[in-house]
Structure formats: C-alpha cells, structure tokens
N, C-alpha and C. Protein backbone atom coordinates (compact mmCIF):
# COMPACT_ATOMS: atom_id res chain seq x y z
N UNK A 1 -3.50 9.32 -12.76
CA UNK A 1 -4.61 8.36 -11.57
C UNK A 1 -3.45 8.66 -10.64
N UNK A 2 -4.44 9.44 -9.31
CA UNK A 2 -3.60 8.53 -8.47
C UNK A 2 -2.87 8.40 -7.65
N UNK A 3 -2.08 7.90 -6.53
CA UNK A 3 -1.51 6.88 -6.39
C UNK A 3 -2.47 5.85 -5.20
N UNK A 4 -3.02 6.86 -4.53
CA UNK A 4 -4.43 5.77 -3.96
C UNK A 4 -5.09 4.81 -5.03
N UNK A 5 -5.50 5.15 -6.03
CA UNK A 5 -6.30 4.62 -6.97
C UNK A 5 -5.44 3.76 -7.56
N UNK A 6 -4.54 3.82 -7.70
CA UNK A 6 -3.48 3.24 -7.98
C UNK A 6 -3.37 1.90 -7.22
N UNK A 7 -2.96 1.73 -6.20
CA UNK A 7 -3.05 1.00 -5.15
C UNK A 7 -3.78 0.28 -4.79
N UNK A 8 -5.21 0.64 -5.03
CA UNK A 8 -6.59 -0.27 -4.85
C UNK A 8 -6.81 -0.79 -6.30
N UNK A 9 -6.44 -0.09 -7.27
CA UNK A 9 -6.57 -1.13 -8.22
C UNK A 9 -5.56 -2.72 -8.21
N UNK A 10 -4.70 -2.35 -8.23
CA UNK A 10 -3.38 -3.61 -7.86
C UNK A 10 -3.19 -4.52 -7.15
N UNK A 11 -4.12 -4.21 -5.93
CA UNK A 11 -4.83 -4.71 -4.70
C UNK A 11 -5.72 -5.14 -5.00
N UNK A 12 -6.99 -4.63 -5.80
CA UNK A 12 -7.91 -5.40 -5.29
C UNK A 12 -7.54 -6.67 -6.75
N UNK A 13 -6.82 -6.03 -7.82
CA UNK A 13 -6.82 -7.02 -8.80
C UNK A 13 -5.92 -8.68 -8.09
N UNK A 14 -5.08 -8.36 -7.67
CA UNK A 14 -3.67 -9.09 -7.11
C UNK A 14 -4.89 -10.18 -5.95
N UNK A 15 -5.54 -9.85 -5.01
CA UNK A 15 -5.78 -10.11 -3.81
C UNK A 15 -7.54 -10.57 -3.85
N UNK A 16 -8.15 -9.78 -4.32
CA UNK A 16 -9.25 -10.06 -4.14
C UNK A 16 -9.85 -10.40 -2.64
N UNK A 17 -9.60 -8.35 -2.27
CA UNK A 17 -9.31 -8.17 -0.39
C UNK A 17 -10.91 -8.15 -0.13
N UNK A 18 -11.02 -9.52 1.10
CA UNK A 18 -12.55 -9.29 1.90
C UNK A 18 -12.96 -7.70 2.37
N UNK A 19 -11.81 -6.86 2.60
CA UNK A 19 -11.50 -4.83 3.16
C UNK A 19 -10.18 -4.91 2.45
N UNK A 20 -10.13 -3.76 1.69
CA UNK A 20 -9.07 -3.05 1.73
C UNK A 20 -9.45 -1.43 1.93
N UNK A 21 -8.63 -0.82 3.02
CA UNK A 21 -8.48 1.13 2.79
C UNK A 21 -6.69 1.36 2.97
N UNK A 22 -6.93 1.74 1.83
CA UNK A 22 -5.95 3.03 1.18
C UNK A 22 -5.63 3.92 2.05
N UNK A 23 -5.36 4.65 3.12
CA UNK A 23 -5.20 6.10 3.44
C UNK A 23 -3.89 6.53 3.33
N UNK A 24 -4.30 7.96 2.35
CA UNK A 24 -3.29 9.26 1.81
C UNK A 24 -2.47 9.80 3.44
N UNK A 25 -1.96 9.37 4.05
CA UNK A 25 -1.44 10.25 5.15
C UNK A 25 0.04 11.15 4.87
N UNK A 26 -0.26 11.53 3.65
CA UNK A 26 1.24 12.21 2.89
C UNK A 26 0.97 13.92 3.62
N UNK A 27 -0.26 14.41 4.26
CA UNK A 27 -0.28 15.61 5.01
C UNK A 27 -0.05 15.26 6.16
N UNK A 28 0.06 14.53 6.92
CA UNK A 28 0.51 14.07 8.47
C UNK A 28 2.46 14.37 8.38
N UNK A 29 3.12 14.34 6.74
CA UNK A 29 4.73 14.36 7.07
C UNK A 29 4.95 15.75 6.18
N UNK A 30 4.18 16.07 5.83
CA UNK A 30 4.52 17.37 5.03
C UNK A 30 5.92 18.16 6.11
N UNK A 31 6.87 18.23 4.79
CA UNK A 31 8.27 18.95 5.40
C UNK A 31 9.09 17.73 5.76
N UNK A 32 8.87 16.63 6.22
CA UNK A 32 9.75 15.69 6.73
C UNK A 32 10.39 15.66 5.16
N UNK A 33 11.83 14.39 5.25
CA UNK A 33 12.75 14.31 4.26
C UNK A 33 12.50 13.93 2.88
N UNK A 34 11.22 12.54 3.35
CA UNK A 34 10.71 12.38 2.51
C UNK A 34 9.01 12.72 2.05
N UNK A 35 8.60 13.79 2.59
CA UNK A 35 7.49 14.52 1.60
C UNK A 35 8.32 15.40 0.30
N UNK A 36 7.62 14.62 -1.48
CA UNK A 36 8.03 15.56 -2.31
C UNK A 36 7.58 16.40 -3.03
N UNK A 37 6.27 16.78 -2.22
CA UNK A 37 5.78 17.60 -2.11
C UNK A 37 4.41 17.64 -3.09
N UNK A 38 4.47 16.26 -3.78
CA UNK A 38 3.27 15.88 -4.79
C UNK A 38 1.78 15.17 -3.82
N UNK A 39 2.18 15.64 -2.41
CA UNK A 39 0.87 14.56 -1.58
C UNK A 39 0.17 13.35 -1.80
N UNK A 40 1.64 12.55 -1.96
CA UNK A 40 1.42 11.05 -2.93
C UNK A 40 2.79 10.38 -2.16
N UNK A 41 2.58 10.74 -0.82
CA UNK A 41 4.06 10.13 -0.54
C UNK A 41 4.11 9.25 0.30
N UNK A 42 3.08 8.66 1.55
CA UNK A 42 3.19 7.91 2.17
C UNK A 42 1.36 7.89 2.86
N UNK A 43 1.95 6.23 2.47
CA UNK A 43 0.25 5.62 2.30
C UNK A 43 0.26 4.86 3.49
N UNK A 44 -0.84 4.07 4.54
CA UNK A 44 -1.07 3.08 5.58
C UNK A 44 -2.40 2.16 4.35
N UNK A 45 -1.90 1.48 5.00
CA UNK A 45 -2.58 0.03 3.48
C UNK A 45 -2.96 -1.08 4.74
N UNK A 46 -4.71 -0.88 4.72
CA UNK A 46 -5.65 -2.42 5.34
C UNK A 46 -5.71 -3.31 5.12
N UNK A 47 -5.50 -4.44 4.14
CA UNK A 47 -5.71 -5.38 3.63
C UNK A 47 -5.70 -6.56 4.46
N UNK A 48 -7.39 -7.16 3.88
CA UNK A 48 -7.77 -8.91 4.54
C UNK A 48 -8.09 -9.88 3.33
N UNK A 49 -7.80 -10.66 3.00
CA UNK A 49 -7.89 -11.61 1.41
C UNK A 49 -7.47 -13.02 2.01
N UNK A 50 -8.41 -14.09 1.88
CA UNK A 50 -8.14 -15.21 1.74
C UNK A 50 -6.75 -15.55 0.92
N UNK A 51 -6.53 -15.49 0.51
CA UNK A 51 -5.37 -15.38 -0.56
C UNK A 51 -4.31 -15.56 0.15
N UNK A 52 -4.19 -14.25 1.05
CA UNK A 52 -2.95 -14.24 1.85
C UNK A 52 -3.18 -15.02 3.32
N UNK A 53 -3.86 -15.79 3.62
CA UNK A 53 -4.42 -16.18 5.28
C UNK A 53 -2.73 -17.27 5.51
N UNK A 54 -3.25 -18.13 4.43
CA UNK A 54 -2.23 -19.09 4.67
C UNK A 54 -0.17 -18.77 4.57
N UNK A 55 -0.38 -17.38 4.40
CA UNK A 55 1.03 -17.17 4.30
C UNK A 55 1.57 -15.80 5.86
N UNK A 56 3.44 -16.45 5.96
CA UNK A 56 3.81 -16.15 7.24
C UNK A 56 3.70 -14.32 6.79
N UNK A 57 3.79 -13.37 7.79
CA UNK A 57 3.79 -12.10 7.95
C UNK A 57 4.65 -12.40 7.15
N UNK A 58 5.38 -11.80 6.87
CA UNK A 58 7.10 -11.86 5.52
C UNK A 58 6.62 -12.19 4.22
N UNK A 59 5.44 -12.97 3.43
CA UNK A 59 5.44 -14.01 2.68
C UNK A 59 4.40 -13.03 2.18
N UNK A 60 3.25 -12.32 3.32
CA UNK A 60 2.25 -11.50 3.17
C UNK A 60 2.84 -10.29 2.65
N UNK A 61 4.08 -9.96 3.13
CA UNK A 61 4.32 -8.76 2.31
C UNK A 61 5.17 -8.41 1.84
N UNK A 62 6.01 -9.03 1.02
CA UNK A 62 6.39 -9.75 0.03
C UNK A 62 5.52 -9.74 -1.11
N UNK A 63 4.32 -9.87 -1.16
CA UNK A 63 2.87 -10.72 -2.25
C UNK A 63 2.82 -9.38 -1.78
N UNK A 64 2.35 -8.34 -1.43
CA UNK A 64 1.62 -6.84 -1.37
C UNK A 64 3.09 -6.35 -1.87
N UNK A 65 4.28 -6.11 -2.09
CA UNK A 65 5.17 -5.28 -2.41
C UNK A 65 5.57 -5.84 -4.09
N UNK A 66 5.14 -7.18 -4.72
CA UNK A 66 5.39 -7.42 -5.19
C UNK A 66 4.09 -7.31 -6.80
N UNK A 67 3.36 -7.20 -6.27
CA UNK A 67 1.34 -6.97 -6.41
C UNK A 67 1.70 -5.13 -6.81
N UNK A 68 2.42 -4.41 -5.79
CA UNK A 68 2.94 -3.14 -6.16
C UNK A 68 3.43 -2.55 -6.71
N UNK A 69 4.08 -3.37 -7.43
CA UNK A 69 5.41 -3.13 -8.36
C UNK A 69 6.23 -1.46 -8.23
N UNK A 70 6.38 -0.78 -9.44
CA UNK A 70 6.55 0.04 -9.60
C UNK A 70 6.29 1.54 -8.45
N UNK A 71 5.04 0.95 -7.48
CA UNK A 71 4.40 2.00 -6.55
C UNK A 71 5.20 2.46 -5.87
N UNK A 72 6.14 1.26 -5.23
CA UNK A 72 7.16 0.95 -3.88
C UNK A 72 7.85 1.89 -3.79
N UNK A 73 8.44 1.83 -5.68
CA UNK A 73 9.43 3.23 -5.51
C UNK A 73 9.31 4.34 -5.32
N UNK A 74 8.26 4.62 -5.63
CA UNK A 74 7.57 6.10 -6.36
C UNK A 74 7.02 6.81 -4.43
N UNK A 75 6.63 6.06 -3.65
CA UNK A 75 6.62 6.22 -2.53
C UNK A 75 8.34 6.36 -1.46
N UNK A 76 7.66 7.19 -0.35
CA UNK A 76 8.45 7.00 0.10
C UNK A 76 7.89 5.78 1.39
N UNK A 77 7.17 6.00 2.12
CA UNK A 77 7.15 5.32 2.81
C UNK A 77 5.13 4.65 2.86
N UNK A 78 4.88 3.31 3.33
CA UNK A 78 3.80 2.35 3.05
C UNK A 78 4.12 1.49 4.25
N UNK A 79 2.81 1.81 4.98
CA UNK A 79 2.49 0.85 6.14
C UNK A 79 1.46 -0.45 6.06
N UNK A 80 1.24 -1.75 5.81
CA UNK A 80 0.67 -2.19 5.36
C UNK A 80 0.54 -2.95 7.12
N UNK A 81 -1.33 -2.93 7.38
CA UNK A 81 -1.41 -4.16 8.15
C UNK A 81 -2.31 -5.36 7.53
N UNK A 82 -1.67 -6.15 7.16
CA UNK A 82 -2.19 -7.52 6.56
C UNK A 82 -2.51 -8.37 6.64
N UNK A 83 -2.83 -8.08 8.25
CA UNK A 83 -3.81 -9.34 9.57
C UNK A 83 -4.06 -10.43 8.70
C-alpha cells in the first residue's frame, strides 16, 4: 500500500476528520539527502478533527505521531497543519 494511503487510513481511523489532505511532496525533494528514491519520503498533512480541538499544539502533534506509528520512522519529513 502506498504510504499516502496508509497515512490517510490511520488518521481517518484515529480521528474521524472533518478535513484530511495528505500531499506527497517527495518530488520537490529529489536529490535531497532525505530522498531515498522511493518517491515516498516527504509528506504534508492538513487535518481538522473535533478529537484534536481541545488539545494543545504539542498534544496534537504527539497524537498524530502516535496514530501514524512506524510511518514516522519510514519517511524523512512530515509537515503537519493541525489547526
């Protein structure tokens, strides 16, 4: 399964989001030290969920990282917009 699909599935299961956008930005980083050649190394995530609303910014990031599990170790960069 593509990493983008895994991210979407895990975040949907964990947070039942009102808004979820996962953008693979790996092509923008071709040749960068974090580019592993898979085309799945850099992602931007925009997520809005009532489950995250009462949390602080740091708690939101921690909750998303927990939900993503091992994905955070398999990709080089995750840009999180958890508004």
